[in-house]
Every structure is written in structure tokens, then in C-alpha cells.
Amino acid sequence: MEQGLNHSGPRIELVHDFVCARSYLAFTRLGRAVERHRAEGGAAEFVLRPYRIRPEAAVQGEPLFEVHRRERGETEARAIRADRTLGTADGLTFRFDRALFTNTYAAHLLAAQAAAQGRSLPMAARLFRAYFTDGLHLADPTVLAALATEVGVRQEPDLADALDAELARTGSLGSQSGPVFLVGGRHVLHEEPTEHEMLILLRELRY
């Protein structure tokens, strides 16, 4: 269940989860680096691979602030909730005060359906924004149906078996602290590379 862009040139895989802030940054920066690389005459394949940071998370969801307060303490939870600086340099808006932490299985299933219809990247971008900016509940079928319609994705066929197999494969590849970048199955970048670092990597892979 590979979800990518530009099926030529070296493949760089992003193992991600939609409730991971670093994954959102990585997705945005890598997408822009790939476009810049293509503008230079290069080619690269950008592949999204699903991972769940908290597969045991409840589908009902809860305010991210409550998760942080329980796990990190009141002071740090309040600091994160109030932060408006993360992502601004990348043109992103993070609203941790709105985020509803939830199980991301259904979101990854929608992403898989989008990939089968050639809409992988716009669907992923919308899911990230829905969680981090809009405060939408990514396990709510009504929310996901609306997002699918917005991006032009049909919520069929049922790809649950294929998603389960992919999640089983990525279970040992992903990280609970951030995204993982792979080329040929090998980790190639740290968890929070800049767009420029990604572009340099793409140029190096070209040769």
C-alpha cells in the first residue's frame, strides 16, 4: 500500500502518523523539496507509509491538552497548548489548543483509499491540517466523509486488510517520537530535517 508522487527516480519513504507534529513538518518539507528537485531536472518518488504512534488510543478521542497533562504535567501541557510558533516558518498553523487526540486507524484507511485513487498527497495534507489546525476528530466517520468529499476521494473499496498488512510491516520501522525517512529500507535522515537538508539528500541520491 504505497502512496507516492512521481514514480521515477530514487524512492524516499516517509513513515508517519497524522497526530505527529514532526510528521506534519516532514511531510510538508519533503513535498516541497521533491518539487524543487523536480524543477532542477531531478526525479524522486515520495512514498507515504502509515504508522500509528498509539494504536491503543480510544476512537472517542480527548483534548490533546489532557493527554499532555497526564503524561507530561500541567506546566508543560499549558506551554504546548499556548504555543503558536511551531510551523510558522513552514507556513503551517498548529493549534494544540484545538487538537483532539484519537486513534488514527480510520484516517490511515482513508489515506489508503485516496492513494488507490491517485489522491494520496492532497488527502494526507488535508488530514494533517484537520487535526493540527482545525481541531477535527480524525476517528469520526462523519468528519472523514466530509474530508474525503472535499478532496474528491471515494471511501471505497474497503482496504482494511491491506492497511493491516502495511501497519504490521511498518510497526518495526516507525518511531513514537517522530517520522522516519527510508531509502532502500535504510534510515537516511534525523527526525526533524529542514527542507534544505531533504533537497541535498535528493540531489545526492540522483548520482
N, C-alpha and C. Protein backbone atom coordinates (compact mmCIF):
# COMPACT_ATOMS: atom_id res chain seq x y z
N MET A 1 0.84 -1.19 0.00
CA MET A 1 0.00 0.00 0.00
C MET A 1 0.88 1.24 0.00
N GLU A 2 1.56 1.42 -1.07
CA GLU A 2 2.48 2.53 -1.17
C GLU A 2 1.76 3.73 -1.76
N GLN A 3 2.03 4.88 -1.18
CA GLN A 3 1.32 6.09 -1.54
C GLN A 3 2.34 7.14 -1.92
N GLY A 4 2.44 7.48 -3.19
CA GLY A 4 3.54 8.36 -3.56
C GLY A 4 3.28 9.33 -4.68
N LEU A 5 4.32 9.99 -5.08
CA LEU A 5 4.28 11.00 -6.12
C LEU A 5 5.49 10.82 -7.01
N ASN A 6 5.29 10.91 -8.33
CA ASN A 6 6.40 10.91 -9.28
C ASN A 6 7.14 9.57 -9.25
N HIS A 7 6.57 8.57 -9.91
CA HIS A 7 7.09 7.21 -9.83
C HIS A 7 8.30 7.01 -10.75
N SER A 8 9.32 7.76 -10.51
CA SER A 8 10.60 7.59 -11.20
C SER A 8 11.69 8.16 -10.30
N GLY A 9 12.92 7.74 -10.54
CA GLY A 9 14.00 8.22 -9.70
C GLY A 9 14.03 7.49 -8.38
N PRO A 10 14.93 7.88 -7.49
CA PRO A 10 15.06 7.22 -6.19
C PRO A 10 13.80 7.40 -5.35
N ARG A 11 13.53 6.42 -4.53
CA ARG A 11 12.36 6.44 -3.66
C ARG A 11 12.78 6.83 -2.25
N ILE A 12 12.06 7.82 -1.70
CA ILE A 12 12.23 8.17 -0.29
C ILE A 12 10.88 7.96 0.38
N GLU A 13 10.87 7.16 1.42
CA GLU A 13 9.64 6.79 2.11
C GLU A 13 9.54 7.55 3.43
N LEU A 14 8.36 8.04 3.72
CA LEU A 14 8.09 8.74 4.97
C LEU A 14 7.12 7.89 5.79
N VAL A 15 7.61 7.34 6.88
CA VAL A 15 6.76 6.59 7.80
C VAL A 15 6.19 7.58 8.80
N HIS A 16 4.89 7.75 8.83
CA HIS A 16 4.27 8.88 9.51
C HIS A 16 3.00 8.50 10.24
N ASP A 17 2.56 9.40 11.12
CA ASP A 17 1.23 9.32 11.72
C ASP A 17 0.62 10.72 11.70
N PHE A 18 -0.68 10.78 11.55
CA PHE A 18 -1.35 12.06 11.38
C PHE A 18 -1.47 12.88 12.66
N VAL A 19 -1.18 12.28 13.81
CA VAL A 19 -1.22 13.05 15.06
C VAL A 19 0.19 13.39 15.55
N CYS A 20 1.16 13.27 14.66
CA CYS A 20 2.56 13.56 14.98
C CYS A 20 2.96 14.89 14.35
N ALA A 21 3.28 15.87 15.18
CA ALA A 21 3.63 17.20 14.67
C ALA A 21 4.87 17.15 13.77
N ARG A 22 5.86 16.37 14.17
CA ARG A 22 7.06 16.25 13.33
C ARG A 22 6.76 15.60 11.99
N SER A 23 5.78 14.70 11.97
CA SER A 23 5.38 14.09 10.70
C SER A 23 4.78 15.14 9.77
N TYR A 24 3.98 16.04 10.32
CA TYR A 24 3.38 17.10 9.51
C TYR A 24 4.46 18.00 8.93
N LEU A 25 5.43 18.37 9.76
CA LEU A 25 6.53 19.19 9.27
C LEU A 25 7.32 18.44 8.19
N ALA A 26 7.60 17.16 8.43
CA ALA A 26 8.38 16.37 7.48
C ALA A 26 7.64 16.21 6.17
N PHE A 27 6.34 15.94 6.25
CA PHE A 27 5.52 15.80 5.05
C PHE A 27 5.57 17.07 4.20
N THR A 28 5.41 18.19 4.85
CA THR A 28 5.40 19.48 4.15
C THR A 28 6.76 19.78 3.53
N ARG A 29 7.82 19.60 4.30
CA ARG A 29 9.15 19.92 3.82
C ARG A 29 9.60 18.98 2.72
N LEU A 30 9.31 17.70 2.87
CA LEU A 30 9.72 16.74 1.85
C LEU A 30 8.97 16.98 0.55
N GLY A 31 7.68 17.28 0.64
CA GLY A 31 6.92 17.58 -0.56
C GLY A 31 7.49 18.77 -1.31
N ARG A 32 7.88 19.80 -0.58
CA ARG A 32 8.46 20.98 -1.22
C ARG A 32 9.84 20.68 -1.78
N ALA A 33 10.62 19.87 -1.06
CA ALA A 33 11.95 19.51 -1.55
C ALA A 33 11.86 18.70 -2.83
N VAL A 34 10.90 17.79 -2.90
CA VAL A 34 10.70 16.99 -4.12
C VAL A 34 10.34 17.90 -5.28
N GLU A 35 9.45 18.86 -5.06
CA GLU A 35 9.07 19.78 -6.13
C GLU A 35 10.27 20.61 -6.59
N ARG A 36 11.08 21.08 -5.65
CA ARG A 36 12.28 21.85 -6.02
C ARG A 36 13.26 20.98 -6.79
N HIS A 37 13.39 19.74 -6.35
CA HIS A 37 14.28 18.80 -7.03
C HIS A 37 13.81 18.54 -8.46
N ARG A 38 12.52 18.38 -8.63
CA ARG A 38 11.98 18.17 -9.98
C ARG A 38 12.20 19.41 -10.85
N ALA A 39 12.07 20.59 -10.25
CA ALA A 39 12.28 21.83 -11.00
C ALA A 39 13.72 21.95 -11.49
N GLU A 40 14.64 21.28 -10.78
CA GLU A 40 16.05 21.28 -11.17
C GLU A 40 16.34 20.21 -12.22
N GLY A 41 15.32 19.45 -12.60
CA GLY A 41 15.52 18.40 -13.58
C GLY A 41 15.70 17.02 -12.98
N GLY A 42 15.60 16.92 -11.65
CA GLY A 42 15.75 15.63 -10.98
C GLY A 42 14.43 14.89 -10.90
N ALA A 43 14.50 13.67 -10.40
CA ALA A 43 13.31 12.86 -10.22
C ALA A 43 13.42 12.13 -8.90
N ALA A 44 12.30 11.98 -8.24
CA ALA A 44 12.28 11.26 -6.98
C ALA A 44 10.86 10.78 -6.72
N GLU A 45 10.74 9.70 -6.01
CA GLU A 45 9.44 9.16 -5.65
C GLU A 45 9.23 9.38 -4.15
N PHE A 46 8.16 10.06 -3.81
CA PHE A 46 7.80 10.38 -2.44
C PHE A 46 6.69 9.42 -2.04
N VAL A 47 7.00 8.52 -1.12
CA VAL A 47 6.07 7.48 -0.72
C VAL A 47 5.68 7.65 0.75
N LEU A 48 4.38 7.63 1.02
CA LEU A 48 3.88 7.69 2.39
C LEU A 48 3.59 6.29 2.89
N ARG A 49 4.04 6.01 4.10
CA ARG A 49 3.77 4.72 4.71
C ARG A 49 3.18 4.95 6.09
N PRO A 50 2.08 4.27 6.41
CA PRO A 50 1.35 4.55 7.66
C PRO A 50 2.01 3.94 8.88
N TYR A 51 1.84 4.62 9.99
CA TYR A 51 2.32 4.15 11.28
C TYR A 51 1.41 4.75 12.34
N ARG A 52 1.14 4.00 13.39
CA ARG A 52 0.31 4.53 14.48
C ARG A 52 1.15 4.65 15.74
N ILE A 53 1.30 5.87 16.20
CA ILE A 53 2.08 6.13 17.41
C ILE A 53 1.42 5.46 18.62
N ARG A 54 0.10 5.55 18.67
CA ARG A 54 -0.64 4.97 19.80
C ARG A 54 -1.77 4.08 19.25
N PRO A 55 -1.46 2.88 18.82
CA PRO A 55 -2.53 2.03 18.27
C PRO A 55 -3.62 1.70 19.28
N GLU A 56 -3.31 1.86 20.56
CA GLU A 56 -4.30 1.56 21.60
C GLU A 56 -5.19 2.75 21.93
N ALA A 57 -4.96 3.90 21.29
CA ALA A 57 -5.74 5.11 21.59
C ALA A 57 -7.23 4.88 21.32
N ALA A 58 -8.07 5.47 22.15
CA ALA A 58 -9.51 5.31 22.00
C ALA A 58 -10.02 6.11 20.81
N VAL A 59 -11.03 5.58 20.13
CA VAL A 59 -11.60 6.29 18.99
C VAL A 59 -12.43 7.48 19.44
N GLN A 60 -12.86 7.50 20.71
CA GLN A 60 -13.67 8.62 21.18
C GLN A 60 -12.87 9.92 21.17
N GLY A 61 -11.58 9.81 21.36
CA GLY A 61 -10.73 10.99 21.36
C GLY A 61 -10.83 11.78 22.65
N GLU A 62 -9.83 12.62 22.88
CA GLU A 62 -9.84 13.55 24.01
C GLU A 62 -8.93 14.72 23.68
N PRO A 63 -9.13 15.86 24.32
CA PRO A 63 -8.28 17.01 24.06
C PRO A 63 -6.80 16.65 24.25
N LEU A 64 -5.98 17.06 23.31
CA LEU A 64 -4.56 16.77 23.42
C LEU A 64 -3.97 17.33 24.70
N PHE A 65 -4.51 18.45 25.16
CA PHE A 65 -4.05 19.04 26.41
C PHE A 65 -4.16 18.06 27.57
N GLU A 66 -5.25 17.29 27.60
CA GLU A 66 -5.44 16.33 28.69
C GLU A 66 -4.43 15.19 28.61
N VAL A 67 -4.09 14.78 27.41
CA VAL A 67 -3.07 13.75 27.23
C VAL A 67 -1.72 14.26 27.73
N HIS A 68 -1.39 15.48 27.33
CA HIS A 68 -0.11 16.06 27.75
C HIS A 68 -0.07 16.30 29.26
N ARG A 69 -1.18 16.75 29.84
CA ARG A 69 -1.21 17.00 31.28
C ARG A 69 -1.01 15.71 32.05
N ARG A 70 -1.60 14.62 31.56
CA ARG A 70 -1.49 13.34 32.23
C ARG A 70 -0.07 12.78 32.12
N GLU A 71 0.55 12.98 30.95
CA GLU A 71 1.83 12.35 30.69
C GLU A 71 3.04 13.25 30.93
N ARG A 72 2.84 14.56 30.85
CA ARG A 72 3.98 15.48 30.96
C ARG A 72 3.86 16.48 32.09
N GLY A 73 2.68 16.57 32.67
CA GLY A 73 2.49 17.51 33.76
C GLY A 73 1.80 18.78 33.31
N GLU A 74 1.22 19.47 34.27
CA GLU A 74 0.42 20.67 33.99
C GLU A 74 1.23 21.77 33.31
N THR A 75 2.41 22.04 33.79
CA THR A 75 3.19 23.16 33.26
C THR A 75 3.55 22.97 31.80
N GLU A 76 4.06 21.80 31.46
CA GLU A 76 4.43 21.56 30.06
C GLU A 76 3.20 21.49 29.18
N ALA A 77 2.13 20.92 29.67
CA ALA A 77 0.90 20.85 28.88
C ALA A 77 0.38 22.24 28.54
N ARG A 78 0.43 23.15 29.50
CA ARG A 78 -0.02 24.52 29.24
C ARG A 78 0.89 25.23 28.25
N ALA A 79 2.18 24.98 28.35
CA ALA A 79 3.13 25.61 27.42
C ALA A 79 2.89 25.15 25.99
N ILE A 80 2.67 23.86 25.83
CA ILE A 80 2.41 23.32 24.49
C ILE A 80 1.09 23.88 23.95
N ARG A 81 0.07 23.90 24.77
CA ARG A 81 -1.23 24.40 24.33
C ARG A 81 -1.17 25.84 23.87
N ALA A 82 -0.32 26.64 24.50
CA ALA A 82 -0.23 28.06 24.18
C ALA A 82 0.70 28.36 23.01
N ASP A 83 1.49 27.38 22.60
CA ASP A 83 2.50 27.63 21.56
C ASP A 83 1.85 27.94 20.21
N ARG A 84 2.28 29.03 19.58
CA ARG A 84 1.82 29.38 18.25
C ARG A 84 3.00 29.54 17.28
N THR A 85 4.18 29.11 17.70
CA THR A 85 5.37 29.34 16.88
C THR A 85 5.72 28.15 15.99
N LEU A 86 5.42 26.94 16.43
CA LEU A 86 5.79 25.78 15.65
C LEU A 86 5.13 25.81 14.28
N GLY A 87 5.95 25.60 13.25
CA GLY A 87 5.43 25.52 11.89
C GLY A 87 5.27 26.83 11.16
N THR A 88 5.41 27.96 11.86
CA THR A 88 5.18 29.24 11.20
C THR A 88 6.17 29.47 10.05
N ALA A 89 7.42 29.03 10.22
CA ALA A 89 8.41 29.20 9.17
C ALA A 89 8.08 28.35 7.94
N ASP A 90 7.27 27.32 8.13
CA ASP A 90 6.87 26.45 7.02
C ASP A 90 5.49 26.81 6.48
N GLY A 91 4.91 27.88 6.99
CA GLY A 91 3.59 28.29 6.53
C GLY A 91 2.46 27.45 7.10
N LEU A 92 2.71 26.76 8.22
CA LEU A 92 1.71 25.90 8.83
C LEU A 92 1.18 26.53 10.12
N THR A 93 -0.04 26.17 10.46
CA THR A 93 -0.64 26.66 11.69
C THR A 93 -0.93 25.48 12.61
N PHE A 94 -0.27 25.44 13.74
CA PHE A 94 -0.51 24.41 14.74
C PHE A 94 -1.36 25.00 15.86
N ARG A 95 -2.53 24.41 16.10
CA ARG A 95 -3.41 24.85 17.19
C ARG A 95 -3.56 23.69 18.17
N PHE A 96 -2.57 23.56 19.04
CA PHE A 96 -2.59 22.48 20.01
C PHE A 96 -3.74 22.64 21.00
N ASP A 97 -4.27 23.85 21.11
CA ASP A 97 -5.42 24.06 22.00
C ASP A 97 -6.70 23.46 21.43
N ARG A 98 -6.70 23.17 20.12
CA ARG A 98 -7.88 22.59 19.49
C ARG A 98 -7.76 21.08 19.26
N ALA A 99 -6.55 20.57 19.21
CA ALA A 99 -6.31 19.19 18.78
C ALA A 99 -7.01 18.17 19.67
N LEU A 100 -7.65 17.19 19.02
CA LEU A 100 -8.32 16.10 19.71
C LEU A 100 -7.57 14.81 19.42
N PHE A 101 -6.83 14.34 20.41
CA PHE A 101 -6.03 13.13 20.21
C PHE A 101 -6.95 11.92 20.10
N THR A 102 -6.67 11.04 19.11
CA THR A 102 -7.54 9.91 18.86
C THR A 102 -6.80 8.80 18.15
N ASN A 103 -7.46 7.67 17.99
CA ASN A 103 -6.93 6.57 17.21
C ASN A 103 -6.92 6.96 15.74
N THR A 104 -5.83 6.70 15.05
CA THR A 104 -5.70 7.17 13.66
C THR A 104 -5.93 6.08 12.62
N TYR A 105 -6.43 4.93 13.03
CA TYR A 105 -6.65 3.84 12.07
C TYR A 105 -7.57 4.28 10.94
N ALA A 106 -8.70 4.89 11.27
CA ALA A 106 -9.66 5.30 10.24
C ALA A 106 -9.06 6.35 9.30
N ALA A 107 -8.24 7.24 9.84
CA ALA A 107 -7.60 8.25 9.00
C ALA A 107 -6.63 7.60 8.02
N HIS A 108 -5.87 6.62 8.50
CA HIS A 108 -4.96 5.91 7.60
C HIS A 108 -5.73 5.10 6.55
N LEU A 109 -6.88 4.58 6.93
CA LEU A 109 -7.69 3.85 5.96
C LEU A 109 -8.18 4.79 4.85
N LEU A 110 -8.60 5.98 5.22
CA LEU A 110 -9.00 6.96 4.22
C LEU A 110 -7.81 7.34 3.34
N ALA A 111 -6.63 7.49 3.94
CA ALA A 111 -5.43 7.80 3.16
C ALA A 111 -5.12 6.69 2.17
N ALA A 112 -5.33 5.44 2.57
CA ALA A 112 -5.09 4.32 1.68
C ALA A 112 -6.07 4.33 0.51
N GLN A 113 -7.32 4.68 0.79
CA GLN A 113 -8.31 4.77 -0.27
C GLN A 113 -7.95 5.91 -1.23
N ALA A 114 -7.46 7.01 -0.68
CA ALA A 114 -7.04 8.13 -1.52
C ALA A 114 -5.86 7.74 -2.40
N ALA A 115 -4.92 6.99 -1.84
CA ALA A 115 -3.76 6.56 -2.61
C ALA A 115 -4.17 5.69 -3.78
N ALA A 116 -5.16 4.83 -3.57
CA ALA A 116 -5.64 3.95 -4.64
C ALA A 116 -6.29 4.75 -5.76
N GLN A 117 -6.69 5.99 -5.46
CA GLN A 117 -7.34 6.85 -6.45
C GLN A 117 -6.43 7.98 -6.92
N GLY A 118 -5.14 7.88 -6.59
CA GLY A 118 -4.18 8.89 -7.04
C GLY A 118 -4.29 10.21 -6.31
N ARG A 119 -4.83 10.21 -5.08
CA ARG A 119 -5.03 11.44 -4.32
C ARG A 119 -4.31 11.39 -2.98
N SER A 120 -3.21 10.65 -2.92
CA SER A 120 -2.51 10.42 -1.67
C SER A 120 -2.08 11.71 -0.99
N LEU A 121 -1.32 12.54 -1.69
CA LEU A 121 -0.73 13.71 -1.05
C LEU A 121 -1.76 14.76 -0.65
N PRO A 122 -2.72 15.11 -1.51
CA PRO A 122 -3.73 16.09 -1.05
C PRO A 122 -4.56 15.57 0.11
N MET A 123 -4.83 14.26 0.14
CA MET A 123 -5.60 13.71 1.25
C MET A 123 -4.79 13.76 2.54
N ALA A 124 -3.52 13.41 2.46
CA ALA A 124 -2.67 13.46 3.65
C ALA A 124 -2.56 14.89 4.16
N ALA A 125 -2.37 15.84 3.25
CA ALA A 125 -2.26 17.24 3.66
C ALA A 125 -3.52 17.69 4.37
N ARG A 126 -4.67 17.26 3.87
CA ARG A 126 -5.94 17.68 4.49
C ARG A 126 -6.12 17.03 5.85
N LEU A 127 -5.71 15.78 6.00
CA LEU A 127 -5.83 15.11 7.29
C LEU A 127 -4.93 15.75 8.33
N PHE A 128 -3.71 16.08 7.95
CA PHE A 128 -2.82 16.76 8.88
C PHE A 128 -3.43 18.10 9.32
N ARG A 129 -3.92 18.86 8.37
CA ARG A 129 -4.48 20.17 8.69
C ARG A 129 -5.75 20.03 9.53
N ALA A 130 -6.53 19.02 9.23
CA ALA A 130 -7.75 18.80 10.00
C ALA A 130 -7.43 18.59 11.47
N TYR A 131 -6.37 17.85 11.74
CA TYR A 131 -6.02 17.56 13.13
C TYR A 131 -5.33 18.74 13.80
N PHE A 132 -4.28 19.26 13.16
CA PHE A 132 -3.44 20.24 13.83
C PHE A 132 -3.96 21.67 13.76
N THR A 133 -4.75 21.99 12.76
CA THR A 133 -5.24 23.36 12.62
C THR A 133 -6.72 23.50 12.95
N ASP A 134 -7.52 22.56 12.43
CA ASP A 134 -8.97 22.70 12.55
C ASP A 134 -9.55 22.06 13.81
N GLY A 135 -8.78 21.22 14.49
CA GLY A 135 -9.29 20.57 15.68
C GLY A 135 -10.38 19.55 15.40
N LEU A 136 -10.33 18.91 14.24
CA LEU A 136 -11.34 17.92 13.87
C LEU A 136 -10.99 16.54 14.42
N HIS A 137 -12.01 15.74 14.59
CA HIS A 137 -11.86 14.41 15.18
C HIS A 137 -11.59 13.39 14.07
N LEU A 138 -10.35 12.90 13.98
CA LEU A 138 -9.94 12.05 12.86
C LEU A 138 -10.45 10.62 12.94
N ALA A 139 -11.19 10.28 13.98
CA ALA A 139 -11.80 8.95 14.04
C ALA A 139 -13.32 9.02 13.83
N ASP A 140 -13.82 10.20 13.59
CA ASP A 140 -15.27 10.40 13.41
C ASP A 140 -15.63 10.13 11.95
N PRO A 141 -16.47 9.13 11.67
CA PRO A 141 -16.82 8.80 10.27
C PRO A 141 -17.42 9.98 9.52
N THR A 142 -18.20 10.80 10.20
CA THR A 142 -18.82 11.94 9.52
C THR A 142 -17.75 12.96 9.11
N VAL A 143 -16.80 13.22 9.99
CA VAL A 143 -15.70 14.13 9.67
C VAL A 143 -14.89 13.59 8.49
N LEU A 144 -14.55 12.31 8.53
CA LEU A 144 -13.73 11.72 7.47
C LEU A 144 -14.49 11.72 6.14
N ALA A 145 -15.79 11.48 6.18
CA ALA A 145 -16.57 11.51 4.95
C ALA A 145 -16.55 12.91 4.32
N ALA A 146 -16.66 13.92 5.18
CA ALA A 146 -16.62 15.30 4.68
C ALA A 146 -15.26 15.64 4.09
N LEU A 147 -14.18 15.20 4.74
CA LEU A 147 -12.84 15.45 4.23
C LEU A 147 -12.61 14.72 2.92
N ALA A 148 -13.11 13.50 2.82
CA ALA A 148 -12.98 12.73 1.58
C ALA A 148 -13.68 13.46 0.44
N THR A 149 -14.88 13.94 0.69
CA THR A 149 -15.63 14.67 -0.34
C THR A 149 -14.89 15.93 -0.74
N GLU A 150 -14.33 16.62 0.23
CA GLU A 150 -13.59 17.86 -0.04
C GLU A 150 -12.41 17.62 -0.97
N VAL A 151 -11.72 16.49 -0.79
CA VAL A 151 -10.53 16.19 -1.59
C VAL A 151 -10.89 15.43 -2.87
N GLY A 152 -12.12 14.93 -2.95
CA GLY A 152 -12.54 14.18 -4.13
C GLY A 152 -12.17 12.71 -4.07
N VAL A 153 -12.28 12.12 -2.88
CA VAL A 153 -11.93 10.71 -2.67
C VAL A 153 -13.18 9.92 -2.35
N ARG A 154 -13.36 8.80 -3.01
CA ARG A 154 -14.46 7.88 -2.71
C ARG A 154 -14.02 6.94 -1.60
N GLN A 155 -14.85 6.77 -0.59
CA GLN A 155 -14.49 5.90 0.53
C GLN A 155 -14.82 4.44 0.22
N GLU A 156 -14.24 3.95 -0.85
CA GLU A 156 -14.36 2.56 -1.26
C GLU A 156 -13.21 2.26 -2.21
N PRO A 157 -12.73 1.07 -2.39
CA PRO A 157 -13.21 -0.13 -1.71
C PRO A 157 -12.68 -0.22 -0.28
N ASP A 158 -13.07 -1.28 0.41
CA ASP A 158 -12.59 -1.49 1.77
C ASP A 158 -11.17 -2.06 1.70
N LEU A 159 -10.21 -1.27 2.16
CA LEU A 159 -8.80 -1.68 2.10
C LEU A 159 -8.25 -2.03 3.48
N ALA A 160 -9.13 -2.41 4.39
CA ALA A 160 -8.70 -2.68 5.76
C ALA A 160 -7.66 -3.79 5.82
N ASP A 161 -7.85 -4.86 5.06
CA ASP A 161 -6.89 -5.97 5.10
C ASP A 161 -5.52 -5.51 4.62
N ALA A 162 -5.50 -4.73 3.55
CA ALA A 162 -4.23 -4.23 3.02
C ALA A 162 -3.58 -3.27 4.01
N LEU A 163 -4.39 -2.42 4.66
CA LEU A 163 -3.85 -1.49 5.65
C LEU A 163 -3.27 -2.25 6.84
N ASP A 164 -3.99 -3.28 7.28
CA ASP A 164 -3.49 -4.07 8.41
C ASP A 164 -2.13 -4.69 8.08
N ALA A 165 -1.99 -5.18 6.87
CA ALA A 165 -0.72 -5.78 6.47
C ALA A 165 0.39 -4.74 6.43
N GLU A 166 0.07 -3.55 5.95
CA GLU A 166 1.07 -2.49 5.88
C GLU A 166 1.47 -2.00 7.27
N LEU A 167 0.50 -1.85 8.15
CA LEU A 167 0.81 -1.44 9.52
C LEU A 167 1.66 -2.49 10.24
N ALA A 168 1.42 -3.75 9.92
CA ALA A 168 2.25 -4.81 10.50
C ALA A 168 3.69 -4.68 10.03
N ARG A 169 3.87 -4.28 8.78
CA ARG A 169 5.23 -4.11 8.24
C ARG A 169 5.92 -2.88 8.83
N THR A 170 5.18 -1.81 8.99
CA THR A 170 5.80 -0.57 9.46
C THR A 170 5.91 -0.50 10.97
N GLY A 171 5.30 -1.45 11.68
CA GLY A 171 5.34 -1.42 13.13
C GLY A 171 6.75 -1.40 13.69
N SER A 172 7.67 -2.05 13.00
CA SER A 172 9.06 -2.09 13.46
C SER A 172 9.91 -0.99 12.82
N LEU A 173 9.32 -0.23 11.90
CA LEU A 173 10.07 0.81 11.20
C LEU A 173 9.82 2.21 11.76
N GLY A 174 8.61 2.43 12.26
CA GLY A 174 8.25 3.76 12.73
C GLY A 174 8.83 4.08 14.09
N SER A 175 8.54 5.31 14.53
CA SER A 175 9.05 5.79 15.81
C SER A 175 7.96 6.57 16.52
N GLN A 176 7.87 6.43 17.83
CA GLN A 176 6.88 7.19 18.60
C GLN A 176 7.30 8.63 18.81
N SER A 177 8.51 8.98 18.48
CA SER A 177 8.99 10.34 18.71
C SER A 177 9.02 11.20 17.45
N GLY A 178 8.75 10.61 16.29
CA GLY A 178 8.77 11.41 15.07
C GLY A 178 8.77 10.54 13.83
N PRO A 179 8.80 11.17 12.66
CA PRO A 179 8.77 10.43 11.40
C PRO A 179 10.09 9.71 11.15
N VAL A 180 10.02 8.74 10.25
CA VAL A 180 11.21 8.01 9.84
C VAL A 180 11.33 8.11 8.32
N PHE A 181 12.52 8.44 7.85
CA PHE A 181 12.79 8.54 6.42
C PHE A 181 13.61 7.34 5.98
N LEU A 182 13.16 6.69 4.91
CA LEU A 182 13.83 5.49 4.42
C LEU A 182 14.16 5.61 2.95
N VAL A 183 15.33 5.12 2.59
CA VAL A 183 15.70 4.91 1.20
C VAL A 183 16.28 3.51 1.13
N GLY A 184 15.64 2.66 0.33
CA GLY A 184 16.09 1.28 0.26
C GLY A 184 15.98 0.56 1.59
N GLY A 185 15.00 0.97 2.40
CA GLY A 185 14.81 0.37 3.70
C GLY A 185 15.77 0.84 4.77
N ARG A 186 16.61 1.80 4.44
CA ARG A 186 17.62 2.30 5.37
C ARG A 186 17.25 3.69 5.87
N HIS A 187 17.40 3.94 7.16
CA HIS A 187 17.15 5.27 7.72
C HIS A 187 18.17 6.25 7.14
N VAL A 188 17.68 7.40 6.65
CA VAL A 188 18.60 8.31 5.97
C VAL A 188 18.64 9.72 6.56
N LEU A 189 17.69 10.09 7.42
CA LEU A 189 17.65 11.43 7.97
C LEU A 189 17.24 11.37 9.44
N HIS A 190 17.58 12.42 10.19
CA HIS A 190 17.09 12.51 11.56
C HIS A 190 15.62 12.89 11.52
N GLU A 191 14.99 12.97 12.69
CA GLU A 191 13.53 13.10 12.74
C GLU A 191 12.99 14.47 12.36
N GLU A 192 13.82 15.49 12.34
CA GLU A 192 13.31 16.82 12.01
C GLU A 192 14.25 17.56 11.06
N PRO A 193 14.46 17.01 9.87
CA PRO A 193 15.35 17.67 8.92
C PRO A 193 14.69 18.91 8.31
N THR A 194 15.51 19.83 7.85
CA THR A 194 15.00 21.00 7.17
C THR A 194 14.69 20.66 5.72
N GLU A 195 13.97 21.54 5.06
CA GLU A 195 13.69 21.36 3.64
C GLU A 195 14.99 21.32 2.84
N HIS A 196 15.95 22.15 3.23
CA HIS A 196 17.23 22.18 2.52
C HIS A 196 17.98 20.86 2.68
N GLU A 197 17.97 20.29 3.88
CA GLU A 197 18.62 19.01 4.09
C GLU A 197 17.99 17.92 3.23
N MET A 198 16.69 17.96 3.09
CA MET A 198 16.00 16.99 2.25
C MET A 198 16.37 17.16 0.79
N LEU A 199 16.46 18.42 0.36
CA LEU A 199 16.85 18.69 -1.02
C LEU A 199 18.26 18.19 -1.30
N ILE A 200 19.17 18.41 -0.38
CA ILE A 200 20.54 17.93 -0.53
C ILE A 200 20.55 16.41 -0.67
N LEU A 201 19.75 15.73 0.16
CA LEU A 201 19.68 14.27 0.08
C LEU A 201 19.18 13.83 -1.29
N LEU A 202 18.14 14.48 -1.80
CA LEU A 202 17.60 14.12 -3.11
C LEU A 202 18.64 14.32 -4.20
N ARG A 203 19.40 15.40 -4.11
CA ARG A 203 20.46 15.63 -5.09
C ARG A 203 21.51 14.54 -5.02
N GLU A 204 21.86 14.13 -3.80
CA GLU A 204 22.89 13.09 -3.64
C GLU A 204 22.38 11.74 -4.17
N LEU A 205 21.10 11.47 -3.99
CA LEU A 205 20.54 10.20 -4.46
C LEU A 205 20.46 10.15 -5.98
N ARG A 206 20.52 11.31 -6.58
CA ARG A 206 20.42 11.40 -8.04
C ARG A 206 21.64 10.80 -8.72
N TYR A 207 22.74 10.78 -8.01
CA TYR A 207 24.00 10.37 -8.63
C TYR A 207 24.46 9.01 -8.10
